[in-house]
């Protein structure tokens, strides 16, 4: 399984009590130096009363909703030294330091291609066999959610079987591994809490390596 495992995406989620997504339009993000002025949108931005979604041509996406902003990036072919997602999370939290930050999520995602000889990896390899697998007219679909307690915090791992479609519309079975390192923001005052927030953001590469080692 691990021989063809590929990390596809890294996202950093910031939770804040008083975050208003409607204020986070593209002009504000650029004028505030959170997003570089030369970044171009890959598709029209989505704005609503409760959601803002921006996707840039370089593979970075920003999703803002009530009390949460998610900054995600396609890192499938990226040199880790060129990753931008943590830089944006830093700039966002520094420019909007007045927000009441509650938690940080470091969320990597990746997948492994399944061999044609083993199309039902989760049911056959991760779960115990039994008559429950033969109930119904088609092979059972299964997913697994795991929670690991680590020294720095908790790692939640969701394992799901998916179908990948290529540009030629070829369908390939794969297993998707979605990780979530969840950290509460600690501190007696706003300055201490912001410093603790930045420590969690700065540990993104350590978390990514932990996730890869586990898979």
N, C-alpha and C. Protein backbone atom coordinates (compact mmCIF):
# COMPACT_ATOMS: atom_id res chain seq x y z
N UNK A 1 0.83 -1.20 0.00
CA UNK A 1 0.00 0.00 0.00
C UNK A 1 0.86 1.25 0.00
N UNK A 2 1.89 1.30 0.84
CA UNK A 2 2.66 2.53 0.99
C UNK A 2 3.51 2.85 -0.22
N UNK A 3 3.79 1.84 -1.08
CA UNK A 3 4.69 2.07 -2.21
C UNK A 3 4.12 3.06 -3.21
N UNK A 4 2.78 3.16 -3.32
CA UNK A 4 2.20 4.11 -4.27
C UNK A 4 1.42 5.22 -3.58
N UNK A 5 1.65 5.41 -2.29
CA UNK A 5 0.95 6.46 -1.57
C UNK A 5 1.44 7.83 -2.01
N UNK A 6 0.51 8.76 -2.20
CA UNK A 6 0.85 10.10 -2.69
C UNK A 6 0.07 11.15 -1.90
N UNK A 7 0.77 12.10 -1.30
CA UNK A 7 0.11 13.23 -0.62
C UNK A 7 -0.40 14.20 -1.68
N UNK A 8 -1.63 14.61 -1.56
CA UNK A 8 -2.26 15.47 -2.56
C UNK A 8 -2.52 16.89 -2.08
N UNK A 9 -2.87 17.03 -0.82
CA UNK A 9 -3.34 18.33 -0.35
C UNK A 9 -2.96 18.57 1.10
N UNK A 10 -2.69 19.82 1.42
CA UNK A 10 -2.49 20.23 2.80
C UNK A 10 -3.38 21.43 3.07
N UNK A 11 -4.14 21.36 4.15
CA UNK A 11 -5.02 22.46 4.53
C UNK A 11 -4.75 22.85 5.98
N UNK A 12 -4.85 24.14 6.25
CA UNK A 12 -4.77 24.64 7.62
C UNK A 12 -6.07 25.37 7.92
N UNK A 13 -6.75 24.93 8.97
CA UNK A 13 -8.03 25.52 9.37
C UNK A 13 -7.86 26.30 10.66
N UNK A 14 -8.32 27.54 10.67
CA UNK A 14 -8.28 28.40 11.85
C UNK A 14 -9.72 28.65 12.30
N UNK A 15 -10.00 28.33 13.55
CA UNK A 15 -11.32 28.56 14.12
C UNK A 15 -11.28 29.78 15.02
N UNK A 16 -12.20 30.71 14.81
CA UNK A 16 -12.26 31.94 15.61
C UNK A 16 -13.72 32.29 15.86
N UNK A 17 -14.03 32.67 17.09
CA UNK A 17 -15.41 32.92 17.48
C UNK A 17 -16.07 34.03 16.66
N UNK A 18 -15.34 35.11 16.42
CA UNK A 18 -15.96 36.30 15.82
C UNK A 18 -15.54 36.54 14.38
N UNK A 19 -15.28 35.46 13.64
CA UNK A 19 -14.90 35.58 12.24
C UNK A 19 -16.13 35.80 11.37
N UNK A 20 -16.11 36.87 10.59
CA UNK A 20 -17.19 37.19 9.67
C UNK A 20 -16.72 36.94 8.24
N UNK A 21 -17.22 35.90 7.59
CA UNK A 21 -16.70 35.56 6.26
C UNK A 21 -16.98 36.61 5.19
N UNK A 22 -18.03 37.39 5.35
CA UNK A 22 -18.39 38.35 4.31
C UNK A 22 -17.35 39.46 4.13
N UNK A 23 -16.50 39.66 5.13
CA UNK A 23 -15.49 40.71 5.02
C UNK A 23 -14.23 40.24 4.29
N UNK A 24 -14.13 38.95 4.02
CA UNK A 24 -12.89 38.40 3.46
C UNK A 24 -12.98 38.27 1.95
N UNK A 25 -13.21 39.37 1.27
CA UNK A 25 -13.22 39.33 -0.19
C UNK A 25 -11.81 39.45 -0.74
N UNK A 26 -11.67 39.25 -2.03
CA UNK A 26 -10.34 39.23 -2.65
C UNK A 26 -9.61 40.56 -2.50
N UNK A 27 -10.33 41.67 -2.65
CA UNK A 27 -9.69 42.98 -2.53
C UNK A 27 -9.12 43.17 -1.12
N UNK A 28 -9.89 42.81 -0.12
CA UNK A 28 -9.40 42.94 1.26
C UNK A 28 -8.15 42.08 1.48
N UNK A 29 -8.16 40.85 1.01
CA UNK A 29 -7.04 39.95 1.23
C UNK A 29 -5.77 40.47 0.55
N UNK A 30 -5.94 41.10 -0.62
CA UNK A 30 -4.76 41.64 -1.33
C UNK A 30 -4.30 42.96 -0.72
N UNK A 31 -5.22 43.85 -0.39
CA UNK A 31 -4.85 45.13 0.20
C UNK A 31 -4.22 44.95 1.58
N UNK A 32 -4.58 43.87 2.27
CA UNK A 32 -4.03 43.59 3.58
C UNK A 32 -2.71 42.81 3.51
N UNK A 33 -2.24 42.52 2.29
CA UNK A 33 -1.01 41.76 2.07
C UNK A 33 -1.09 40.34 2.61
N UNK A 34 -2.30 39.81 2.72
CA UNK A 34 -2.46 38.41 3.09
C UNK A 34 -2.23 37.52 1.86
N UNK A 35 -2.79 37.95 0.74
CA UNK A 35 -2.61 37.26 -0.54
C UNK A 35 -1.77 38.13 -1.45
N UNK A 36 -0.72 37.60 -2.09
CA UNK A 36 0.09 38.40 -3.03
C UNK A 36 -0.77 39.00 -4.14
N UNK A 37 -0.44 40.21 -4.52
CA UNK A 37 -1.27 40.94 -5.49
C UNK A 37 -1.26 40.32 -6.88
N UNK A 38 -0.24 39.51 -7.20
CA UNK A 38 -0.15 38.93 -8.54
C UNK A 38 -0.86 37.57 -8.66
N UNK A 39 -1.46 37.10 -7.58
CA UNK A 39 -2.19 35.84 -7.67
C UNK A 39 -3.49 36.03 -8.44
N UNK A 40 -3.78 35.10 -9.34
CA UNK A 40 -4.98 35.18 -10.17
C UNK A 40 -5.94 34.04 -9.83
N UNK A 41 -7.22 34.34 -9.89
CA UNK A 41 -8.23 33.33 -9.62
C UNK A 41 -8.32 32.33 -10.76
N UNK A 42 -8.51 31.06 -10.41
CA UNK A 42 -8.69 30.02 -11.42
C UNK A 42 -10.12 29.96 -11.92
N UNK A 43 -11.05 30.46 -11.10
CA UNK A 43 -12.47 30.50 -11.47
C UNK A 43 -13.12 31.63 -10.68
N UNK A 44 -14.29 32.08 -11.07
CA UNK A 44 -14.93 33.18 -10.34
C UNK A 44 -15.11 32.87 -8.86
N UNK A 45 -14.89 33.87 -8.03
CA UNK A 45 -15.04 33.71 -6.58
C UNK A 45 -16.50 33.49 -6.24
N UNK A 46 -16.73 32.78 -5.13
CA UNK A 46 -18.08 32.56 -4.62
C UNK A 46 -18.26 33.39 -3.36
N UNK A 47 -19.25 34.26 -3.35
CA UNK A 47 -19.55 35.09 -2.19
C UNK A 47 -21.01 34.89 -1.79
N UNK A 48 -21.25 34.66 -0.53
CA UNK A 48 -22.61 34.60 0.00
C UNK A 48 -22.60 35.15 1.42
N UNK A 49 -23.76 35.17 2.05
CA UNK A 49 -23.84 35.72 3.40
C UNK A 49 -23.04 34.90 4.41
N UNK A 50 -22.81 33.62 4.11
CA UNK A 50 -22.16 32.76 5.10
C UNK A 50 -20.95 32.02 4.55
N UNK A 51 -20.57 32.31 3.30
CA UNK A 51 -19.46 31.56 2.70
C UNK A 51 -18.73 32.42 1.69
N UNK A 52 -17.40 32.33 1.72
CA UNK A 52 -16.54 32.89 0.69
C UNK A 52 -15.60 31.79 0.24
N UNK A 53 -15.51 31.58 -1.09
CA UNK A 53 -14.62 30.55 -1.62
C UNK A 53 -13.79 31.15 -2.76
N UNK A 54 -12.47 31.08 -2.61
CA UNK A 54 -11.54 31.59 -3.62
C UNK A 54 -10.58 30.47 -4.00
N UNK A 55 -10.40 30.25 -5.29
CA UNK A 55 -9.45 29.26 -5.78
C UNK A 55 -8.51 29.93 -6.77
N UNK A 56 -7.20 29.85 -6.49
CA UNK A 56 -6.21 30.52 -7.31
C UNK A 56 -5.54 29.54 -8.28
N UNK A 57 -4.96 30.09 -9.33
CA UNK A 57 -4.34 29.28 -10.38
C UNK A 57 -3.15 28.47 -9.88
N UNK A 58 -2.53 28.89 -8.77
CA UNK A 58 -1.39 28.16 -8.25
C UNK A 58 -1.78 27.00 -7.34
N UNK A 59 -3.08 26.70 -7.25
CA UNK A 59 -3.53 25.56 -6.46
C UNK A 59 -3.87 25.86 -5.02
N UNK A 60 -3.82 27.14 -4.63
CA UNK A 60 -4.20 27.54 -3.28
C UNK A 60 -5.67 27.93 -3.26
N UNK A 61 -6.38 27.46 -2.24
CA UNK A 61 -7.78 27.81 -2.08
C UNK A 61 -8.02 28.39 -0.70
N UNK A 62 -8.97 29.31 -0.60
CA UNK A 62 -9.36 29.91 0.68
C UNK A 62 -10.87 29.77 0.81
N UNK A 63 -11.30 29.16 1.89
CA UNK A 63 -12.72 28.99 2.18
C UNK A 63 -13.00 29.61 3.54
N UNK A 64 -13.85 30.61 3.58
CA UNK A 64 -14.23 31.26 4.83
C UNK A 64 -15.71 31.03 5.09
N UNK A 65 -16.03 30.59 6.29
CA UNK A 65 -17.41 30.39 6.70
C UNK A 65 -17.54 30.85 8.14
N UNK A 66 -18.72 30.74 8.69
CA UNK A 66 -18.94 31.21 10.05
C UNK A 66 -17.92 30.61 11.01
N UNK A 67 -17.11 31.47 11.62
CA UNK A 67 -16.16 31.09 12.67
C UNK A 67 -15.01 30.22 12.20
N UNK A 68 -14.79 30.10 10.88
CA UNK A 68 -13.68 29.27 10.43
C UNK A 68 -13.18 29.71 9.07
N UNK A 69 -11.86 29.67 8.90
CA UNK A 69 -11.26 29.86 7.59
C UNK A 69 -10.34 28.69 7.31
N UNK A 70 -10.45 28.14 6.12
CA UNK A 70 -9.62 27.02 5.69
C UNK A 70 -8.77 27.48 4.52
N UNK A 71 -7.46 27.29 4.65
CA UNK A 71 -6.52 27.63 3.57
C UNK A 71 -5.91 26.31 3.11
N UNK A 72 -6.16 25.95 1.86
CA UNK A 72 -5.74 24.65 1.35
C UNK A 72 -4.87 24.82 0.11
N UNK A 73 -4.04 23.79 -0.13
CA UNK A 73 -3.11 23.87 -1.25
C UNK A 73 -2.87 22.49 -1.83
N UNK A 74 -2.84 22.43 -3.15
CA UNK A 74 -2.45 21.21 -3.85
C UNK A 74 -0.93 21.09 -3.78
N UNK A 75 -0.44 20.06 -3.08
CA UNK A 75 1.01 19.89 -2.92
C UNK A 75 1.49 18.60 -3.57
N UNK A 76 0.68 18.05 -4.48
CA UNK A 76 1.01 16.76 -5.08
C UNK A 76 2.32 16.80 -5.86
N UNK A 77 2.63 17.94 -6.49
CA UNK A 77 3.87 18.04 -7.26
C UNK A 77 4.73 19.19 -6.76
N UNK A 78 4.54 19.56 -5.51
CA UNK A 78 5.17 20.75 -4.97
C UNK A 78 6.39 20.42 -4.12
N UNK A 79 7.46 21.19 -4.29
CA UNK A 79 8.58 21.16 -3.36
C UNK A 79 8.09 21.75 -2.05
N UNK A 80 8.30 21.04 -0.94
CA UNK A 80 7.78 21.52 0.34
C UNK A 80 8.34 22.89 0.72
N UNK A 81 9.50 23.24 0.18
CA UNK A 81 10.05 24.57 0.45
C UNK A 81 9.24 25.67 -0.22
N UNK A 82 8.40 25.30 -1.16
CA UNK A 82 7.59 26.29 -1.88
C UNK A 82 6.14 26.31 -1.41
N UNK A 83 5.81 25.53 -0.42
CA UNK A 83 4.44 25.49 0.08
C UNK A 83 4.04 26.85 0.64
N UNK A 84 2.83 27.29 0.33
CA UNK A 84 2.36 28.63 0.70
C UNK A 84 1.34 28.63 1.83
N UNK A 85 0.68 27.50 2.07
CA UNK A 85 -0.49 27.50 2.93
C UNK A 85 -0.20 27.99 4.34
N UNK A 86 0.95 27.61 4.90
CA UNK A 86 1.27 28.06 6.26
C UNK A 86 1.62 29.54 6.30
N UNK A 87 2.19 30.06 5.22
CA UNK A 87 2.52 31.48 5.15
C UNK A 87 1.25 32.33 5.16
N UNK A 88 0.24 31.86 4.40
CA UNK A 88 -1.03 32.58 4.38
C UNK A 88 -1.71 32.53 5.74
N UNK A 89 -1.65 31.37 6.40
CA UNK A 89 -2.26 31.25 7.73
C UNK A 89 -1.58 32.19 8.71
N UNK A 90 -0.26 32.33 8.61
CA UNK A 90 0.48 33.27 9.46
C UNK A 90 0.03 34.70 9.19
N UNK A 91 0.01 35.09 7.91
CA UNK A 91 -0.32 36.47 7.57
C UNK A 91 -1.77 36.78 7.96
N UNK A 92 -2.65 35.83 7.74
CA UNK A 92 -4.05 36.04 8.09
C UNK A 92 -4.19 36.30 9.59
N UNK A 93 -3.57 35.46 10.42
CA UNK A 93 -3.71 35.60 11.87
C UNK A 93 -3.00 36.85 12.39
N UNK A 94 -1.94 37.28 11.72
CA UNK A 94 -1.26 38.50 12.13
C UNK A 94 -2.06 39.75 11.77
N UNK A 95 -2.62 39.76 10.56
CA UNK A 95 -3.40 40.92 10.12
C UNK A 95 -4.73 41.02 10.87
N UNK A 96 -5.29 39.87 11.25
CA UNK A 96 -6.55 39.85 11.98
C UNK A 96 -6.30 39.30 13.38
N UNK A 97 -5.36 39.93 14.06
CA UNK A 97 -4.95 39.46 15.40
C UNK A 97 -6.02 39.73 16.45
N UNK A 98 -7.03 40.55 16.10
CA UNK A 98 -8.09 40.85 17.06
C UNK A 98 -9.13 39.74 17.16
N UNK A 99 -9.07 38.75 16.27
CA UNK A 99 -10.03 37.65 16.33
C UNK A 99 -9.75 36.77 17.54
N UNK A 100 -10.79 36.16 18.05
CA UNK A 100 -10.67 35.26 19.20
C UNK A 100 -10.45 33.84 18.70
N UNK A 101 -9.17 33.50 18.42
CA UNK A 101 -8.84 32.19 17.86
C UNK A 101 -9.01 31.10 18.90
N UNK A 102 -9.62 30.00 18.47
CA UNK A 102 -9.95 28.90 19.37
C UNK A 102 -9.16 27.63 19.08
N UNK A 103 -8.90 27.34 17.80
CA UNK A 103 -8.26 26.07 17.46
C UNK A 103 -7.57 26.18 16.11
N UNK A 104 -6.63 25.25 15.90
CA UNK A 104 -5.91 25.12 14.63
C UNK A 104 -6.03 23.67 14.18
N UNK A 105 -6.31 23.48 12.90
CA UNK A 105 -6.31 22.14 12.33
C UNK A 105 -5.30 22.04 11.21
N UNK A 106 -4.42 21.05 11.28
CA UNK A 106 -3.47 20.76 10.20
C UNK A 106 -3.99 19.51 9.51
N UNK A 107 -4.40 19.64 8.25
CA UNK A 107 -5.18 18.58 7.61
C UNK A 107 -4.55 18.13 6.28
N UNK A 108 -3.74 17.08 6.30
CA UNK A 108 -3.21 16.53 5.05
C UNK A 108 -4.14 15.48 4.45
N UNK A 109 -4.10 15.36 3.13
CA UNK A 109 -4.88 14.32 2.45
C UNK A 109 -4.03 13.69 1.36
N UNK A 110 -4.18 12.39 1.19
CA UNK A 110 -3.46 11.68 0.15
C UNK A 110 -4.14 10.37 -0.15
N UNK A 111 -3.68 9.68 -1.17
CA UNK A 111 -4.33 8.43 -1.54
C UNK A 111 -3.32 7.41 -2.06
N UNK A 112 -3.77 6.17 -2.07
CA UNK A 112 -3.03 5.07 -2.69
C UNK A 112 -3.91 4.43 -3.75
N UNK A 113 -3.33 4.16 -4.91
CA UNK A 113 -4.04 3.46 -5.97
C UNK A 113 -4.17 1.99 -5.61
N UNK A 114 -5.36 1.43 -5.80
CA UNK A 114 -5.58 0.02 -5.49
C UNK A 114 -5.24 -0.86 -6.69
N UNK A 115 -4.62 -2.00 -6.45
CA UNK A 115 -4.42 -2.95 -7.54
C UNK A 115 -5.75 -3.53 -8.00
N UNK A 116 -5.84 -3.88 -9.26
CA UNK A 116 -7.10 -4.43 -9.78
C UNK A 116 -7.47 -5.73 -9.10
N UNK A 117 -6.49 -6.41 -8.53
CA UNK A 117 -6.76 -7.67 -7.85
C UNK A 117 -7.35 -7.48 -6.46
N UNK A 118 -7.36 -6.24 -5.96
CA UNK A 118 -7.87 -5.98 -4.62
C UNK A 118 -8.71 -4.72 -4.61
N UNK A 119 -9.91 -4.78 -5.18
CA UNK A 119 -10.74 -3.58 -5.30
C UNK A 119 -11.39 -3.14 -3.99
N UNK A 120 -11.48 -4.03 -3.00
CA UNK A 120 -12.14 -3.70 -1.73
C UNK A 120 -11.14 -3.76 -0.58
N UNK A 121 -10.22 -2.84 -0.59
CA UNK A 121 -9.12 -2.87 0.37
C UNK A 121 -9.60 -2.75 1.82
N UNK A 122 -10.50 -1.84 2.08
CA UNK A 122 -10.92 -1.58 3.46
C UNK A 122 -11.62 -2.81 4.04
N UNK A 123 -12.58 -3.35 3.31
CA UNK A 123 -13.33 -4.50 3.81
C UNK A 123 -12.45 -5.74 3.94
N UNK A 124 -11.54 -5.93 2.99
CA UNK A 124 -10.75 -7.16 2.97
C UNK A 124 -9.50 -7.11 3.84
N UNK A 125 -8.95 -5.91 4.04
CA UNK A 125 -7.66 -5.82 4.72
C UNK A 125 -7.72 -5.16 6.10
N UNK A 126 -8.64 -4.22 6.27
CA UNK A 126 -8.68 -3.47 7.53
C UNK A 126 -9.76 -3.96 8.49
N UNK A 127 -10.75 -4.70 7.97
CA UNK A 127 -11.85 -5.16 8.81
C UNK A 127 -11.89 -6.68 8.82
N UNK A 128 -12.41 -7.21 9.91
CA UNK A 128 -12.51 -8.66 10.05
C UNK A 128 -13.57 -9.19 9.10
N UNK A 129 -13.29 -10.33 8.49
CA UNK A 129 -14.25 -10.92 7.55
C UNK A 129 -15.43 -11.51 8.31
N UNK A 130 -16.54 -11.67 7.60
CA UNK A 130 -17.74 -12.24 8.22
C UNK A 130 -18.92 -12.14 7.28
N UNK A 131 -20.04 -12.71 7.72
CA UNK A 131 -21.24 -12.69 6.89
C UNK A 131 -21.76 -11.29 6.64
N UNK A 132 -21.42 -10.35 7.53
CA UNK A 132 -21.88 -8.97 7.37
C UNK A 132 -21.43 -8.38 6.04
N UNK A 133 -20.30 -8.89 5.50
CA UNK A 133 -19.79 -8.37 4.23
C UNK A 133 -20.62 -8.84 3.04
N UNK A 134 -21.42 -9.89 3.21
CA UNK A 134 -22.17 -10.46 2.10
C UNK A 134 -23.64 -10.06 2.12
N UNK A 135 -24.01 -9.15 2.97
CA UNK A 135 -25.40 -8.71 3.07
C UNK A 135 -25.72 -7.76 1.91
N UNK A 136 -26.84 -7.96 1.25
CA UNK A 136 -27.21 -7.09 0.14
C UNK A 136 -26.79 -7.67 -1.19
N UNK A 137 -27.03 -6.91 -2.25
CA UNK A 137 -26.80 -7.40 -3.61
C UNK A 137 -25.44 -6.99 -4.17
N UNK A 138 -24.75 -6.06 -3.52
CA UNK A 138 -23.44 -5.59 -3.98
C UNK A 138 -22.46 -5.66 -2.81
N UNK A 139 -21.13 -5.69 -3.11
CA UNK A 139 -20.14 -5.69 -2.02
C UNK A 139 -20.34 -4.49 -1.11
N UNK A 140 -20.19 -4.71 0.19
CA UNK A 140 -20.41 -3.65 1.17
C UNK A 140 -19.39 -2.53 0.97
N UNK A 141 -19.83 -1.31 1.18
CA UNK A 141 -18.92 -0.17 1.18
C UNK A 141 -18.57 0.18 2.62
N UNK A 142 -17.30 0.41 2.88
CA UNK A 142 -16.87 0.63 4.26
C UNK A 142 -15.92 1.83 4.33
N UNK A 143 -15.94 2.48 5.48
CA UNK A 143 -14.97 3.53 5.79
C UNK A 143 -14.53 3.32 7.23
N UNK A 144 -13.35 3.85 7.56
CA UNK A 144 -12.78 3.66 8.89
C UNK A 144 -12.35 5.01 9.43
N UNK A 145 -12.69 5.30 10.70
CA UNK A 145 -12.25 6.51 11.39
C UNK A 145 -11.42 6.10 12.60
N UNK A 146 -10.20 6.61 12.66
CA UNK A 146 -9.27 6.27 13.74
C UNK A 146 -8.86 7.54 14.46
N UNK A 147 -8.61 7.44 15.76
CA UNK A 147 -8.16 8.57 16.57
C UNK A 147 -6.91 8.16 17.33
N UNK A 148 -5.82 8.88 17.12
CA UNK A 148 -4.54 8.59 17.76
C UNK A 148 -4.20 9.72 18.73
N UNK A 149 -3.79 9.36 19.93
CA UNK A 149 -3.34 10.35 20.90
C UNK A 149 -1.82 10.46 20.80
N UNK A 150 -1.34 11.64 20.42
CA UNK A 150 0.09 11.89 20.25
C UNK A 150 0.57 12.84 21.34
N UNK A 151 1.85 13.03 21.41
CA UNK A 151 2.42 13.89 22.45
C UNK A 151 1.93 15.32 22.33
N UNK A 152 1.80 15.82 21.11
CA UNK A 152 1.40 17.21 20.91
C UNK A 152 -0.11 17.39 20.84
N UNK A 153 -0.84 16.32 20.59
CA UNK A 153 -2.28 16.47 20.45
C UNK A 153 -2.88 15.23 19.82
N UNK A 154 -4.03 15.37 19.21
CA UNK A 154 -4.74 14.23 18.64
C UNK A 154 -4.68 14.25 17.13
N UNK A 155 -4.49 13.06 16.55
CA UNK A 155 -4.55 12.87 15.10
C UNK A 155 -5.76 12.02 14.79
N UNK A 156 -6.68 12.57 14.01
CA UNK A 156 -7.84 11.82 13.52
C UNK A 156 -7.58 11.43 12.07
N UNK A 157 -7.82 10.17 11.74
CA UNK A 157 -7.57 9.68 10.39
C UNK A 157 -8.81 9.00 9.86
N UNK A 158 -9.29 9.49 8.73
CA UNK A 158 -10.45 8.90 8.06
C UNK A 158 -9.97 8.19 6.79
N UNK A 159 -10.40 6.93 6.62
CA UNK A 159 -9.98 6.11 5.49
C UNK A 159 -11.23 5.75 4.68
N UNK A 160 -11.22 6.14 3.40
CA UNK A 160 -12.37 5.90 2.53
C UNK A 160 -11.90 5.41 1.17
N UNK A 161 -12.68 4.51 0.59
CA UNK A 161 -12.39 4.07 -0.77
C UNK A 161 -13.07 5.02 -1.74
N UNK A 162 -12.33 5.46 -2.77
CA UNK A 162 -12.84 6.44 -3.72
C UNK A 162 -12.54 5.97 -5.14
N UNK A 163 -13.12 6.67 -6.10
CA UNK A 163 -12.85 6.43 -7.52
C UNK A 163 -12.24 7.68 -8.12
N UNK A 164 -11.07 7.55 -8.69
CA UNK A 164 -10.39 8.67 -9.32
C UNK A 164 -10.67 8.66 -10.82
N UNK A 165 -10.96 9.84 -11.36
CA UNK A 165 -11.22 9.95 -12.80
C UNK A 165 -10.10 10.75 -13.45
N UNK A 166 -9.51 10.19 -14.49
CA UNK A 166 -8.47 10.88 -15.25
C UNK A 166 -9.11 11.75 -16.33
N UNK A 167 -8.27 12.49 -17.02
CA UNK A 167 -8.78 13.35 -18.10
C UNK A 167 -9.41 12.52 -19.22
N UNK A 168 -9.02 11.25 -19.32
CA UNK A 168 -9.59 10.37 -20.34
C UNK A 168 -10.84 9.66 -19.82
N UNK A 169 -11.34 10.10 -18.62
CA UNK A 169 -12.53 9.52 -18.00
C UNK A 169 -12.30 8.08 -17.53
N UNK A 170 -11.06 7.69 -17.43
CA UNK A 170 -10.76 6.37 -16.86
C UNK A 170 -10.98 6.41 -15.36
N UNK A 171 -11.63 5.40 -14.81
CA UNK A 171 -11.93 5.34 -13.38
C UNK A 171 -10.96 4.37 -12.72
N UNK A 172 -10.27 4.86 -11.67
CA UNK A 172 -9.29 4.05 -10.96
C UNK A 172 -9.66 3.99 -9.49
N UNK A 173 -9.79 2.79 -8.90
CA UNK A 173 -10.09 2.69 -7.47
C UNK A 173 -8.88 3.10 -6.63
N UNK A 174 -9.15 3.77 -5.52
CA UNK A 174 -8.07 4.22 -4.65
C UNK A 174 -8.59 4.30 -3.22
N UNK A 175 -7.67 4.42 -2.28
CA UNK A 175 -8.02 4.62 -0.88
C UNK A 175 -7.55 6.02 -0.48
N UNK A 176 -8.48 6.82 0.04
CA UNK A 176 -8.19 8.19 0.45
C UNK A 176 -7.94 8.23 1.96
N UNK A 177 -6.83 8.84 2.36
CA UNK A 177 -6.47 8.98 3.77
C UNK A 177 -6.54 10.47 4.13
N UNK A 178 -7.53 10.83 4.95
CA UNK A 178 -7.73 12.23 5.34
C UNK A 178 -7.33 12.40 6.80
N UNK A 179 -6.28 13.19 7.04
CA UNK A 179 -5.77 13.39 8.39
C UNK A 179 -6.20 14.72 8.97
N UNK A 180 -6.31 14.77 10.29
CA UNK A 180 -6.63 16.01 10.99
C UNK A 180 -5.89 16.04 12.32
N UNK A 181 -4.92 16.95 12.41
CA UNK A 181 -4.26 17.24 13.68
C UNK A 181 -4.99 18.44 14.29
N UNK A 182 -5.58 18.24 15.45
CA UNK A 182 -6.43 19.28 16.03
C UNK A 182 -5.79 19.82 17.31
N UNK A 183 -5.57 21.15 17.35
CA UNK A 183 -4.91 21.78 18.50
C UNK A 183 -5.76 22.94 19.01
N UNK A 184 -6.04 22.92 20.30
CA UNK A 184 -6.70 24.06 20.93
C UNK A 184 -5.69 25.17 21.16
N UNK A 185 -6.14 26.41 21.01
CA UNK A 185 -5.27 27.56 21.24
C UNK A 185 -5.25 27.87 22.74
N UNK A 186 -4.06 27.93 23.32
CA UNK A 186 -3.89 28.15 24.75
C UNK A 186 -3.26 29.51 25.02
N UNK A 187 -3.51 30.06 26.21
CA UNK A 187 -2.88 31.32 26.60
C UNK A 187 -3.79 32.15 27.46
N UNK A 188 -3.19 32.94 28.36
CA UNK A 188 -3.95 33.77 29.29
C UNK A 188 -4.43 35.07 28.65
N UNK A 189 -3.71 35.55 27.63
CA UNK A 189 -4.09 36.80 26.98
C UNK A 189 -3.96 36.64 25.47
N UNK A 190 -4.36 37.67 24.74
CA UNK A 190 -4.41 37.60 23.28
C UNK A 190 -3.01 37.37 22.69
N UNK A 191 -2.00 38.01 23.25
CA UNK A 191 -0.64 37.86 22.74
C UNK A 191 -0.15 36.41 22.91
N UNK A 192 -0.39 35.84 24.07
CA UNK A 192 0.03 34.45 24.32
C UNK A 192 -0.73 33.48 23.43
N UNK A 193 -2.00 33.74 23.22
CA UNK A 193 -2.81 32.85 22.40
C UNK A 193 -2.38 32.91 20.93
N UNK A 194 -2.01 34.11 20.48
CA UNK A 194 -1.54 34.26 19.11
C UNK A 194 -0.20 33.54 18.92
N UNK A 195 0.66 33.62 19.92
CA UNK A 195 1.95 32.92 19.85
C UNK A 195 1.73 31.41 19.82
N UNK A 196 0.79 30.91 20.61
CA UNK A 196 0.50 29.48 20.63
C UNK A 196 -0.10 29.04 19.29
N UNK A 197 -0.94 29.88 18.71
CA UNK A 197 -1.51 29.61 17.40
C UNK A 197 -0.42 29.45 16.35
N UNK A 198 0.55 30.37 16.38
CA UNK A 198 1.63 30.33 15.39
C UNK A 198 2.53 29.11 15.58
N UNK A 199 2.71 28.66 16.82
CA UNK A 199 3.50 27.44 17.05
C UNK A 199 2.85 26.23 16.39
N UNK A 200 1.54 26.16 16.47
CA UNK A 200 0.83 25.04 15.84
C UNK A 200 0.93 25.13 14.32
N UNK A 201 0.82 26.34 13.78
CA UNK A 201 0.96 26.51 12.33
C UNK A 201 2.36 26.12 11.88
N UNK A 202 3.37 26.56 12.63
CA UNK A 202 4.75 26.31 12.25
C UNK A 202 5.13 24.84 12.30
N UNK A 203 4.35 24.04 13.00
CA UNK A 203 4.65 22.60 13.12
C UNK A 203 4.01 21.80 11.98
N UNK A 204 3.54 22.45 10.94
CA UNK A 204 2.83 21.77 9.85
C UNK A 204 3.66 20.66 9.21
N UNK A 205 4.97 20.93 9.01
CA UNK A 205 5.80 19.94 8.32
C UNK A 205 6.04 18.71 9.20
N UNK A 206 6.19 18.93 10.50
CA UNK A 206 6.32 17.81 11.43
C UNK A 206 5.05 16.96 11.42
N UNK A 207 3.90 17.62 11.41
CA UNK A 207 2.64 16.90 11.36
C UNK A 207 2.49 16.14 10.04
N UNK A 208 2.88 16.76 8.95
CA UNK A 208 2.80 16.10 7.65
C UNK A 208 3.66 14.84 7.63
N UNK A 209 4.87 14.92 8.18
CA UNK A 209 5.76 13.76 8.22
C UNK A 209 5.19 12.66 9.12
N UNK A 210 4.55 13.05 10.23
CA UNK A 210 3.91 12.07 11.12
C UNK A 210 2.79 11.34 10.37
N UNK A 211 1.98 12.09 9.65
CA UNK A 211 0.90 11.52 8.87
C UNK A 211 1.43 10.54 7.82
N UNK A 212 2.48 10.93 7.11
CA UNK A 212 3.07 10.07 6.08
C UNK A 212 3.64 8.80 6.71
N UNK A 213 4.30 8.94 7.86
CA UNK A 213 4.87 7.77 8.54
C UNK A 213 3.77 6.79 8.95
N UNK A 214 2.64 7.31 9.41
CA UNK A 214 1.54 6.45 9.83
C UNK A 214 0.97 5.68 8.65
N UNK A 215 0.75 6.35 7.53
CA UNK A 215 0.20 5.67 6.37
C UNK A 215 1.16 4.59 5.89
